[in-house]
Amino acid sequence: VGSQLMSGAEAPIRAGNTLPIRNIPVGSTIHCIELKPGAGAQIARSAGTSATLLAREGTYAQVRMRSGEVRKVHIECRATIGEVANEEHSLRRYGKAGVKRWMGIRPTVRGVAMNPIDHPHGGGEGRTGEGRAPVDPWGNLTKGYRTRNNKRTQNMIVSRRKK
């Protein structure tokens, strides 16, 4: 409260200030990291999250994410020093379904409770199981099925997160 936040290459190294990664000391805790210079923050934006600046080599820096993944980020990309506040955000108890409705979140209906026209798990007489591998309403595998396939950015990942 009352502290000034600064943004720019000349900003002092203090929590809450945003600087290009080339100006941030190695080992610092950072958040709101850009993936493309000037594109806006894309990594570590959620409540209580952060990443660690591990190293700088040439035009790229290595950043360790909360998941354990180590990734290369261009040194001209900007990041904010420190970690995002409100770590207890996910611990809030809502108390009743209506509170979620006030937030605009609709009820979650299970596929097995639907008709077969509405979901691949639907139908059957009485209470019946899924009868097949868990899928989403469009028939795509879910629950543990790997979905990442972005060959364009694959070379930016130094080490994948541990399973």
N, C-alpha and C. Protein backbone atom coordinates (compact mmCIF):
# COMPACT_ATOMS: atom_id res chain seq x y z
N VAL A 1 0.85 -1.19 0.00
CA VAL A 1 0.00 0.00 0.00
C VAL A 1 0.89 1.24 0.00
N GLY A 2 0.65 2.10 -0.97
CA GLY A 2 1.41 3.34 -1.03
C GLY A 2 2.71 3.23 -1.80
N SER A 3 3.13 2.01 -2.19
CA SER A 3 4.38 1.87 -2.93
C SER A 3 4.13 2.15 -4.41
N GLN A 4 5.16 2.67 -5.08
CA GLN A 4 5.04 2.98 -6.51
C GLN A 4 5.52 1.80 -7.33
N LEU A 5 4.73 1.42 -8.34
CA LEU A 5 5.13 0.35 -9.25
C LEU A 5 5.62 1.00 -10.54
N MET A 6 6.74 0.49 -11.06
CA MET A 6 7.30 1.07 -12.27
C MET A 6 7.44 -0.01 -13.33
N SER A 7 7.38 0.42 -14.59
CA SER A 7 7.53 -0.48 -15.71
C SER A 7 8.51 0.13 -16.69
N GLY A 8 9.44 -0.68 -17.19
CA GLY A 8 10.41 -0.19 -18.16
C GLY A 8 11.79 -0.74 -17.88
N ALA A 9 12.68 -0.56 -18.83
CA ALA A 9 14.03 -1.13 -18.73
C ALA A 9 14.81 -0.53 -17.56
N GLU A 10 14.49 0.71 -17.18
CA GLU A 10 15.25 1.39 -16.13
C GLU A 10 14.61 1.25 -14.75
N ALA A 11 13.51 0.51 -14.64
CA ALA A 11 12.82 0.37 -13.35
C ALA A 11 13.73 -0.34 -12.34
N PRO A 12 13.67 0.06 -11.05
CA PRO A 12 14.50 -0.62 -10.05
C PRO A 12 14.06 -2.07 -9.83
N ILE A 13 15.00 -2.89 -9.35
CA ILE A 13 14.72 -4.31 -9.11
C ILE A 13 13.97 -4.43 -7.79
N ARG A 14 12.64 -4.36 -7.86
CA ARG A 14 11.80 -4.42 -6.67
C ARG A 14 10.53 -5.17 -7.00
N ALA A 15 9.95 -5.84 -6.02
CA ALA A 15 8.72 -6.62 -6.25
C ALA A 15 7.63 -5.73 -6.83
N GLY A 16 6.99 -6.20 -7.89
CA GLY A 16 5.90 -5.48 -8.53
C GLY A 16 6.32 -4.68 -9.75
N ASN A 17 7.63 -4.47 -9.93
CA ASN A 17 8.10 -3.73 -11.10
C ASN A 17 8.28 -4.66 -12.29
N THR A 18 7.99 -4.14 -13.49
CA THR A 18 8.07 -4.93 -14.72
C THR A 18 9.24 -4.46 -15.56
N LEU A 19 10.11 -5.42 -15.93
CA LEU A 19 11.30 -5.10 -16.71
C LEU A 19 11.52 -6.16 -17.79
N PRO A 20 12.34 -5.84 -18.80
CA PRO A 20 12.76 -6.90 -19.73
C PRO A 20 13.58 -7.94 -18.97
N ILE A 21 13.48 -9.19 -19.39
CA ILE A 21 14.16 -10.28 -18.67
C ILE A 21 15.67 -10.07 -18.64
N ARG A 22 16.24 -9.39 -19.65
CA ARG A 22 17.69 -9.15 -19.67
C ARG A 22 18.14 -8.30 -18.49
N ASN A 23 17.23 -7.51 -17.89
CA ASN A 23 17.59 -6.64 -16.76
C ASN A 23 17.26 -7.24 -15.40
N ILE A 24 16.67 -8.43 -15.37
CA ILE A 24 16.28 -9.05 -14.10
C ILE A 24 17.40 -9.99 -13.66
N PRO A 25 17.83 -9.94 -12.39
CA PRO A 25 18.91 -10.81 -11.92
C PRO A 25 18.52 -12.29 -11.99
N VAL A 26 19.49 -13.13 -12.36
CA VAL A 26 19.27 -14.58 -12.40
C VAL A 26 18.97 -15.07 -10.99
N GLY A 27 18.00 -15.98 -10.87
CA GLY A 27 17.59 -16.50 -9.57
C GLY A 27 16.37 -15.79 -9.01
N SER A 28 15.93 -14.72 -9.67
CA SER A 28 14.77 -13.96 -9.18
C SER A 28 13.48 -14.74 -9.38
N THR A 29 12.53 -14.49 -8.49
CA THR A 29 11.17 -15.01 -8.66
C THR A 29 10.40 -14.00 -9.50
N ILE A 30 9.77 -14.48 -10.59
CA ILE A 30 9.07 -13.59 -11.51
C ILE A 30 7.69 -14.14 -11.83
N HIS A 31 6.82 -13.28 -12.36
CA HIS A 31 5.49 -13.70 -12.82
C HIS A 31 5.07 -12.82 -14.00
N CYS A 32 3.91 -13.10 -14.58
CA CYS A 32 3.39 -12.34 -15.73
C CYS A 32 4.46 -12.21 -16.82
N ILE A 33 4.88 -13.36 -17.34
CA ILE A 33 5.98 -13.42 -18.31
C ILE A 33 5.42 -13.42 -19.73
N GLU A 34 6.02 -12.60 -20.58
CA GLU A 34 5.64 -12.59 -22.00
C GLU A 34 6.31 -13.74 -22.72
N LEU A 35 5.68 -14.26 -23.77
CA LEU A 35 6.31 -15.26 -24.64
C LEU A 35 6.84 -14.62 -25.91
N LYS A 36 6.21 -13.50 -26.33
CA LYS A 36 6.71 -12.72 -27.47
C LYS A 36 6.87 -11.29 -26.97
N PRO A 37 7.98 -10.61 -27.32
CA PRO A 37 8.17 -9.25 -26.84
C PRO A 37 7.01 -8.34 -27.24
N GLY A 38 6.41 -7.68 -26.25
CA GLY A 38 5.32 -6.75 -26.50
C GLY A 38 3.94 -7.38 -26.62
N ALA A 39 3.85 -8.70 -26.52
CA ALA A 39 2.57 -9.38 -26.73
C ALA A 39 1.71 -9.45 -25.47
N GLY A 40 2.28 -9.09 -24.32
CA GLY A 40 1.53 -9.18 -23.07
C GLY A 40 1.82 -10.49 -22.34
N ALA A 41 1.58 -10.48 -21.05
CA ALA A 41 1.91 -11.63 -20.20
C ALA A 41 1.07 -12.85 -20.55
N GLN A 42 1.73 -14.03 -20.57
CA GLN A 42 1.03 -15.28 -20.85
C GLN A 42 1.35 -16.38 -19.84
N ILE A 43 2.46 -16.26 -19.11
CA ILE A 43 2.87 -17.31 -18.17
C ILE A 43 2.81 -16.77 -16.75
N ALA A 44 2.41 -17.64 -15.80
CA ALA A 44 2.39 -17.35 -14.36
C ALA A 44 1.55 -16.11 -14.03
N ARG A 45 0.27 -16.13 -14.43
CA ARG A 45 -0.62 -15.00 -14.15
C ARG A 45 -1.64 -15.32 -13.07
N SER A 46 -1.81 -16.59 -12.75
CA SER A 46 -2.87 -17.01 -11.83
C SER A 46 -2.50 -16.69 -10.38
N ALA A 47 -3.49 -16.62 -9.51
CA ALA A 47 -3.28 -16.26 -8.11
C ALA A 47 -2.26 -17.17 -7.44
N GLY A 48 -1.25 -16.57 -6.80
CA GLY A 48 -0.25 -17.31 -6.05
C GLY A 48 0.84 -17.95 -6.87
N THR A 49 0.86 -17.76 -8.19
CA THR A 49 1.86 -18.44 -9.02
C THR A 49 3.10 -17.58 -9.23
N SER A 50 4.17 -18.25 -9.64
CA SER A 50 5.42 -17.57 -9.95
C SER A 50 6.29 -18.51 -10.77
N ALA A 51 7.40 -18.00 -11.25
CA ALA A 51 8.40 -18.80 -11.96
C ALA A 51 9.76 -18.29 -11.51
N THR A 52 10.81 -19.05 -11.83
CA THR A 52 12.16 -18.67 -11.41
C THR A 52 13.04 -18.48 -12.64
N LEU A 53 13.76 -17.37 -12.70
CA LEU A 53 14.70 -17.11 -13.78
C LEU A 53 15.98 -17.88 -13.48
N LEU A 54 16.28 -18.91 -14.30
CA LEU A 54 17.41 -19.79 -14.01
C LEU A 54 18.72 -19.31 -14.63
N ALA A 55 18.68 -18.90 -15.89
CA ALA A 55 19.92 -18.57 -16.60
C ALA A 55 19.62 -17.68 -17.79
N ARG A 56 20.67 -17.06 -18.32
CA ARG A 56 20.57 -16.30 -19.56
C ARG A 56 21.69 -16.74 -20.47
N GLU A 57 21.36 -17.11 -21.72
CA GLU A 57 22.39 -17.45 -22.70
C GLU A 57 22.02 -16.81 -24.02
N GLY A 58 22.85 -15.90 -24.50
CA GLY A 58 22.59 -15.24 -25.77
C GLY A 58 21.30 -14.44 -25.74
N THR A 59 20.41 -14.73 -26.69
CA THR A 59 19.16 -13.96 -26.78
C THR A 59 18.02 -14.62 -26.01
N TYR A 60 18.29 -15.73 -25.32
CA TYR A 60 17.23 -16.42 -24.59
C TYR A 60 17.60 -16.62 -23.13
N ALA A 61 16.58 -16.65 -22.29
CA ALA A 61 16.75 -16.94 -20.86
C ALA A 61 15.97 -18.21 -20.55
N GLN A 62 16.41 -18.93 -19.52
CA GLN A 62 15.70 -20.14 -19.11
C GLN A 62 14.88 -19.83 -17.86
N VAL A 63 13.61 -20.26 -17.90
CA VAL A 63 12.68 -20.00 -16.80
C VAL A 63 12.09 -21.32 -16.35
N ARG A 64 12.11 -21.57 -15.01
CA ARG A 64 11.47 -22.77 -14.48
C ARG A 64 10.07 -22.42 -14.01
N MET A 65 9.08 -23.11 -14.61
CA MET A 65 7.69 -22.86 -14.27
C MET A 65 7.31 -23.62 -13.00
N ARG A 66 6.13 -23.30 -12.45
CA ARG A 66 5.62 -23.95 -11.25
C ARG A 66 5.48 -25.46 -11.45
N SER A 67 5.20 -25.88 -12.70
CA SER A 67 5.02 -27.30 -13.00
C SER A 67 6.34 -28.06 -13.01
N GLY A 68 7.47 -27.34 -13.01
CA GLY A 68 8.77 -27.98 -13.09
C GLY A 68 9.37 -27.90 -14.49
N GLU A 69 8.56 -27.50 -15.47
CA GLU A 69 9.04 -27.38 -16.85
C GLU A 69 10.01 -26.22 -16.95
N VAL A 70 11.13 -26.45 -17.67
CA VAL A 70 12.09 -25.38 -17.93
C VAL A 70 11.93 -24.97 -19.38
N ARG A 71 11.76 -23.68 -19.60
CA ARG A 71 11.43 -23.17 -20.93
C ARG A 71 12.31 -21.99 -21.29
N LYS A 72 12.60 -21.83 -22.58
CA LYS A 72 13.37 -20.69 -23.06
C LYS A 72 12.42 -19.54 -23.39
N VAL A 73 12.80 -18.32 -22.97
CA VAL A 73 12.02 -17.12 -23.24
C VAL A 73 12.99 -16.05 -23.74
N HIS A 74 12.60 -15.28 -24.74
CA HIS A 74 13.46 -14.24 -25.30
C HIS A 74 13.76 -13.18 -24.23
N ILE A 75 15.00 -12.69 -24.20
CA ILE A 75 15.39 -11.76 -23.13
C ILE A 75 14.74 -10.39 -23.27
N GLU A 76 14.18 -10.07 -24.44
CA GLU A 76 13.47 -8.79 -24.59
C GLU A 76 12.04 -8.87 -24.05
N CYS A 77 11.56 -10.09 -23.77
CA CYS A 77 10.23 -10.24 -23.18
C CYS A 77 10.25 -9.67 -21.77
N ARG A 78 9.13 -9.10 -21.35
CA ARG A 78 9.07 -8.49 -20.04
C ARG A 78 8.45 -9.43 -19.01
N ALA A 79 8.83 -9.25 -17.77
CA ALA A 79 8.28 -10.03 -16.66
C ALA A 79 8.21 -9.13 -15.43
N THR A 80 7.35 -9.50 -14.50
CA THR A 80 7.19 -8.73 -13.27
C THR A 80 7.89 -9.47 -12.14
N ILE A 81 8.58 -8.74 -11.31
CA ILE A 81 9.33 -9.35 -10.20
C ILE A 81 8.37 -9.69 -9.07
N GLY A 82 8.61 -10.86 -8.43
CA GLY A 82 7.78 -11.31 -7.32
C GLY A 82 6.79 -12.36 -7.78
N GLU A 83 5.85 -12.70 -6.89
CA GLU A 83 4.82 -13.67 -7.25
C GLU A 83 3.44 -13.03 -7.15
N VAL A 84 2.47 -13.62 -7.85
CA VAL A 84 1.11 -13.08 -7.85
C VAL A 84 0.52 -13.26 -6.46
N ALA A 85 -0.21 -12.26 -5.99
CA ALA A 85 -0.80 -12.29 -4.65
C ALA A 85 -2.04 -13.18 -4.61
N ASN A 86 -2.70 -13.20 -3.46
CA ASN A 86 -3.98 -13.90 -3.25
C ASN A 86 -3.84 -15.41 -3.44
N GLU A 87 -2.83 -15.99 -2.80
CA GLU A 87 -2.56 -17.42 -2.95
C GLU A 87 -3.72 -18.29 -2.47
N GLU A 88 -4.51 -17.79 -1.53
CA GLU A 88 -5.63 -18.57 -0.98
C GLU A 88 -6.89 -18.49 -1.84
N HIS A 89 -6.81 -17.89 -3.02
CA HIS A 89 -7.98 -17.69 -3.88
C HIS A 89 -8.76 -18.99 -4.12
N SER A 90 -8.03 -20.09 -4.34
CA SER A 90 -8.70 -21.36 -4.66
C SER A 90 -9.30 -22.04 -3.43
N LEU A 91 -9.03 -21.53 -2.24
CA LEU A 91 -9.51 -22.18 -1.02
C LEU A 91 -10.88 -21.67 -0.58
N ARG A 92 -11.45 -20.73 -1.30
CA ARG A 92 -12.75 -20.17 -0.92
C ARG A 92 -13.84 -21.24 -0.98
N ARG A 93 -14.67 -21.30 0.07
CA ARG A 93 -15.81 -22.22 0.07
C ARG A 93 -17.03 -21.43 -0.39
N TYR A 94 -17.75 -21.98 -1.35
CA TYR A 94 -18.86 -21.24 -1.94
C TYR A 94 -20.16 -21.46 -1.19
N GLY A 95 -20.30 -22.56 -0.46
CA GLY A 95 -21.46 -22.75 0.41
C GLY A 95 -22.69 -23.29 -0.26
N LYS A 96 -23.02 -22.80 -1.45
CA LYS A 96 -24.21 -23.28 -2.14
C LYS A 96 -24.03 -23.04 -3.64
N ALA A 97 -24.83 -23.77 -4.41
CA ALA A 97 -24.72 -23.69 -5.86
C ALA A 97 -25.03 -22.29 -6.37
N GLY A 98 -25.92 -21.58 -5.67
CA GLY A 98 -26.32 -20.25 -6.11
C GLY A 98 -25.17 -19.26 -6.18
N VAL A 99 -24.18 -19.41 -5.30
CA VAL A 99 -23.04 -18.50 -5.31
C VAL A 99 -22.28 -18.64 -6.63
N LYS A 100 -22.12 -19.88 -7.10
CA LYS A 100 -21.46 -20.09 -8.39
C LYS A 100 -22.32 -19.54 -9.53
N ARG A 101 -23.65 -19.63 -9.39
CA ARG A 101 -24.54 -19.08 -10.41
C ARG A 101 -24.40 -17.56 -10.50
N TRP A 102 -24.22 -16.91 -9.36
CA TRP A 102 -24.02 -15.46 -9.36
C TRP A 102 -22.78 -15.07 -10.15
N MET A 103 -21.82 -16.01 -10.19
CA MET A 103 -20.58 -15.78 -10.93
C MET A 103 -20.72 -16.13 -12.41
N GLY A 104 -21.90 -16.60 -12.79
CA GLY A 104 -22.12 -16.94 -14.20
C GLY A 104 -21.73 -18.36 -14.56
N ILE A 105 -21.48 -19.22 -13.56
CA ILE A 105 -21.10 -20.61 -13.82
C ILE A 105 -22.33 -21.49 -13.75
N ARG A 106 -22.61 -22.23 -14.83
CA ARG A 106 -23.80 -23.07 -14.90
C ARG A 106 -23.51 -24.45 -14.31
N PRO A 107 -24.56 -25.22 -13.96
CA PRO A 107 -24.35 -26.54 -13.35
C PRO A 107 -23.56 -27.48 -14.27
N THR A 108 -22.78 -28.39 -13.67
CA THR A 108 -22.03 -29.38 -14.42
C THR A 108 -22.82 -30.68 -14.42
N VAL A 109 -23.32 -31.07 -15.58
CA VAL A 109 -24.13 -32.28 -15.71
C VAL A 109 -23.24 -33.41 -16.22
N ARG A 110 -23.29 -34.57 -15.55
CA ARG A 110 -22.48 -35.72 -15.96
C ARG A 110 -23.01 -36.30 -17.27
N GLY A 111 -22.11 -36.82 -18.08
CA GLY A 111 -22.50 -37.42 -19.34
C GLY A 111 -23.42 -38.61 -19.17
N VAL A 112 -23.19 -39.44 -18.12
CA VAL A 112 -24.02 -40.64 -17.92
C VAL A 112 -25.44 -40.28 -17.49
N ALA A 113 -25.66 -39.03 -17.08
CA ALA A 113 -27.00 -38.61 -16.68
C ALA A 113 -27.79 -38.04 -17.86
N MET A 114 -27.16 -38.02 -19.05
CA MET A 114 -27.81 -37.45 -20.24
C MET A 114 -28.42 -38.55 -21.11
N ASN A 115 -29.08 -38.11 -22.16
CA ASN A 115 -29.60 -39.03 -23.18
C ASN A 115 -28.50 -39.29 -24.22
N PRO A 116 -28.61 -40.42 -24.95
CA PRO A 116 -27.55 -40.74 -25.91
C PRO A 116 -27.39 -39.70 -27.02
N ILE A 117 -28.42 -38.93 -27.28
CA ILE A 117 -28.32 -37.89 -28.31
C ILE A 117 -27.45 -36.73 -27.84
N ASP A 118 -27.34 -36.57 -26.50
CA ASP A 118 -26.63 -35.43 -25.93
C ASP A 118 -25.18 -35.72 -25.59
N HIS A 119 -24.85 -37.00 -25.35
CA HIS A 119 -23.49 -37.35 -24.90
C HIS A 119 -23.21 -38.81 -25.21
N PRO A 120 -21.95 -39.14 -25.58
CA PRO A 120 -21.62 -40.55 -25.85
C PRO A 120 -21.83 -41.48 -24.66
N HIS A 121 -21.79 -40.94 -23.42
CA HIS A 121 -21.99 -41.78 -22.23
C HIS A 121 -23.47 -41.90 -21.86
N GLY A 122 -24.34 -41.22 -22.56
CA GLY A 122 -25.74 -41.16 -22.18
C GLY A 122 -26.51 -42.43 -22.50
N GLY A 123 -27.73 -42.50 -21.97
CA GLY A 123 -28.65 -43.60 -22.27
C GLY A 123 -28.51 -44.77 -21.32
N GLY A 124 -29.21 -45.85 -21.64
CA GLY A 124 -29.22 -47.05 -20.80
C GLY A 124 -30.42 -47.04 -19.89
N GLU A 125 -30.78 -48.23 -19.40
CA GLU A 125 -31.91 -48.36 -18.48
C GLU A 125 -31.38 -48.28 -17.05
N GLY A 126 -31.93 -47.40 -16.24
CA GLY A 126 -31.47 -47.25 -14.86
C GLY A 126 -30.09 -46.63 -14.82
N ARG A 127 -29.37 -46.95 -13.75
CA ARG A 127 -28.03 -46.39 -13.60
C ARG A 127 -27.02 -47.29 -14.28
N THR A 128 -26.46 -46.82 -15.37
CA THR A 128 -25.44 -47.59 -16.08
C THR A 128 -24.18 -46.76 -16.19
N GLY A 129 -23.06 -47.45 -16.31
CA GLY A 129 -21.77 -46.77 -16.39
C GLY A 129 -21.54 -46.17 -17.76
N GLU A 130 -20.30 -45.75 -17.99
CA GLU A 130 -19.96 -45.10 -19.25
C GLU A 130 -19.97 -46.09 -20.40
N GLY A 131 -19.50 -47.32 -20.15
CA GLY A 131 -19.49 -48.33 -21.19
C GLY A 131 -18.39 -48.16 -22.20
N ARG A 132 -17.51 -47.19 -22.00
CA ARG A 132 -16.39 -46.95 -22.90
C ARG A 132 -15.39 -46.04 -22.20
N ALA A 133 -14.27 -45.75 -22.84
CA ALA A 133 -13.29 -44.84 -22.26
C ALA A 133 -13.92 -43.47 -22.07
N PRO A 134 -13.57 -42.76 -21.00
CA PRO A 134 -14.17 -41.44 -20.76
C PRO A 134 -13.91 -40.49 -21.93
N VAL A 135 -14.98 -39.87 -22.42
CA VAL A 135 -14.87 -38.93 -23.53
C VAL A 135 -15.66 -37.67 -23.22
N ASP A 136 -15.40 -36.60 -23.98
CA ASP A 136 -16.18 -35.38 -23.84
C ASP A 136 -17.44 -35.48 -24.71
N PRO A 137 -18.31 -34.50 -24.69
CA PRO A 137 -19.56 -34.60 -25.46
C PRO A 137 -19.35 -34.80 -26.96
N TRP A 138 -18.16 -34.49 -27.47
CA TRP A 138 -17.90 -34.63 -28.91
C TRP A 138 -17.14 -35.90 -29.24
N GLY A 139 -16.92 -36.76 -28.23
CA GLY A 139 -16.29 -38.05 -28.46
C GLY A 139 -14.78 -38.05 -28.37
N ASN A 140 -14.16 -36.93 -27.98
CA ASN A 140 -12.71 -36.88 -27.84
C ASN A 140 -12.31 -37.46 -26.48
N LEU A 141 -11.24 -38.26 -26.45
CA LEU A 141 -10.78 -38.85 -25.20
C LEU A 141 -10.45 -37.77 -24.17
N THR A 142 -10.70 -38.10 -22.91
CA THR A 142 -10.45 -37.14 -21.84
C THR A 142 -9.87 -37.90 -20.65
N LYS A 143 -9.70 -37.26 -19.51
CA LYS A 143 -9.15 -37.89 -18.30
C LYS A 143 -7.77 -38.51 -18.55
N GLY A 144 -6.76 -37.67 -18.66
CA GLY A 144 -5.39 -38.17 -18.77
C GLY A 144 -4.88 -38.28 -20.19
N TYR A 145 -5.72 -38.05 -21.17
CA TYR A 145 -5.29 -38.14 -22.57
C TYR A 145 -4.44 -36.92 -22.90
N ARG A 146 -3.27 -37.16 -23.46
CA ARG A 146 -2.36 -36.06 -23.76
C ARG A 146 -2.83 -35.29 -24.98
N THR A 147 -2.84 -33.98 -24.87
CA THR A 147 -3.37 -33.16 -25.96
C THR A 147 -2.33 -32.24 -26.58
N ARG A 148 -1.16 -32.10 -25.95
CA ARG A 148 -0.20 -31.14 -26.47
C ARG A 148 0.42 -31.64 -27.78
N ASN A 149 0.34 -30.81 -28.82
CA ASN A 149 0.99 -31.11 -30.09
C ASN A 149 1.26 -29.79 -30.79
N ASN A 150 2.25 -29.05 -30.28
CA ASN A 150 2.61 -27.78 -30.89
C ASN A 150 4.08 -27.85 -31.28
N LYS A 151 4.34 -28.34 -32.48
CA LYS A 151 5.72 -28.53 -32.94
C LYS A 151 6.45 -27.20 -33.10
N ARG A 152 5.68 -26.12 -33.33
CA ARG A 152 6.28 -24.81 -33.55
C ARG A 152 7.05 -24.31 -32.33
N THR A 153 6.54 -24.58 -31.12
CA THR A 153 7.21 -24.09 -29.91
C THR A 153 7.93 -25.20 -29.14
N GLN A 154 7.97 -26.40 -29.70
CA GLN A 154 8.58 -27.54 -29.02
C GLN A 154 10.05 -27.29 -28.67
N ASN A 155 10.77 -26.60 -29.58
CA ASN A 155 12.21 -26.38 -29.35
C ASN A 155 12.47 -25.37 -28.24
N MET A 156 11.44 -24.69 -27.74
CA MET A 156 11.61 -23.73 -26.64
C MET A 156 11.57 -24.41 -25.28
N ILE A 157 11.13 -25.67 -25.23
CA ILE A 157 11.05 -26.38 -23.95
C ILE A 157 12.37 -27.11 -23.72
N VAL A 158 13.08 -26.73 -22.65
CA VAL A 158 14.37 -27.34 -22.32
C VAL A 158 14.13 -28.69 -21.66
N SER A 159 13.25 -28.75 -20.65
CA SER A 159 12.88 -30.03 -20.03
C SER A 159 11.40 -30.00 -19.70
N ARG A 160 10.71 -31.09 -20.04
CA ARG A 160 9.27 -31.20 -19.82
C ARG A 160 8.99 -31.33 -18.33
N ARG A 161 7.76 -31.01 -17.95
CA ARG A 161 7.37 -31.18 -16.55
C ARG A 161 7.39 -32.66 -16.21
N LYS A 162 7.64 -32.96 -14.95
CA LYS A 162 7.69 -34.37 -14.52
C LYS A 162 6.26 -34.88 -14.39
N LYS A 163 6.02 -36.09 -14.93
CA LYS A 163 4.66 -36.66 -14.91
C LYS A 163 4.31 -37.11 -13.50
